[in-house]
């Protein structure tokens, strides 16, 4: 493997599909730029959340509002979906049978939807207990940050559906491979953001 292959911005297809590998370099690098702009938005929301932690206005504090069990279940679900998307990426690289690739993508989609269901239930429980966005600056900043990540997961699930339709229609051609590379970067990016949310928002909130 040469230095250029090592520095490839996405999944390295060089050993199995040289043409798509070269075509993907520019396309995937451009998608990295988009992800970095998205990371800046999340960084700003984390900063706002940090400044609003003490602004509870006599309402629920982080320790009152958060539940570790459901949040841990959401974390396991999303991290498992990252593993299954990784298996789908390996299937793309080695051009496994269509049923194998469809299977991994379908499992990833199911886990993404399960994460959204758990998260919506968590939000409903918080709001039912009086921890709604307008209650305090702290809760406003929480509901600006965490549901934005959920919207990204929803977008990823819709993208997965589109990819399954593209695979059914066009097969695993170069265009579909590159789109799957982009989606893989997006999905793993969401995992990284969630780990930050779990560590900075939930865990630190519960030990305050």
Foldseek 3Di string as FASTA:
>chain_A
DDPVQVPQLWDRLCVPDVVLNVVLRVVQVVLVVVLVVVVVVLVVLLVLLVVFQVWQVPHDHLQRQDDLVLLVVLLVLLVVLLVLLVQLLVCLSNVPDPVSNLVSLVSSLVSLVVSLVSVVVSQVVSVVVVLDLVSTSNSVSVVVNPVVLNVLSVVLSVLSVVLNVCCVVPNSDSVSSSSSRSSSVSSVSSSVSSVCCCVSPNPVRNVD
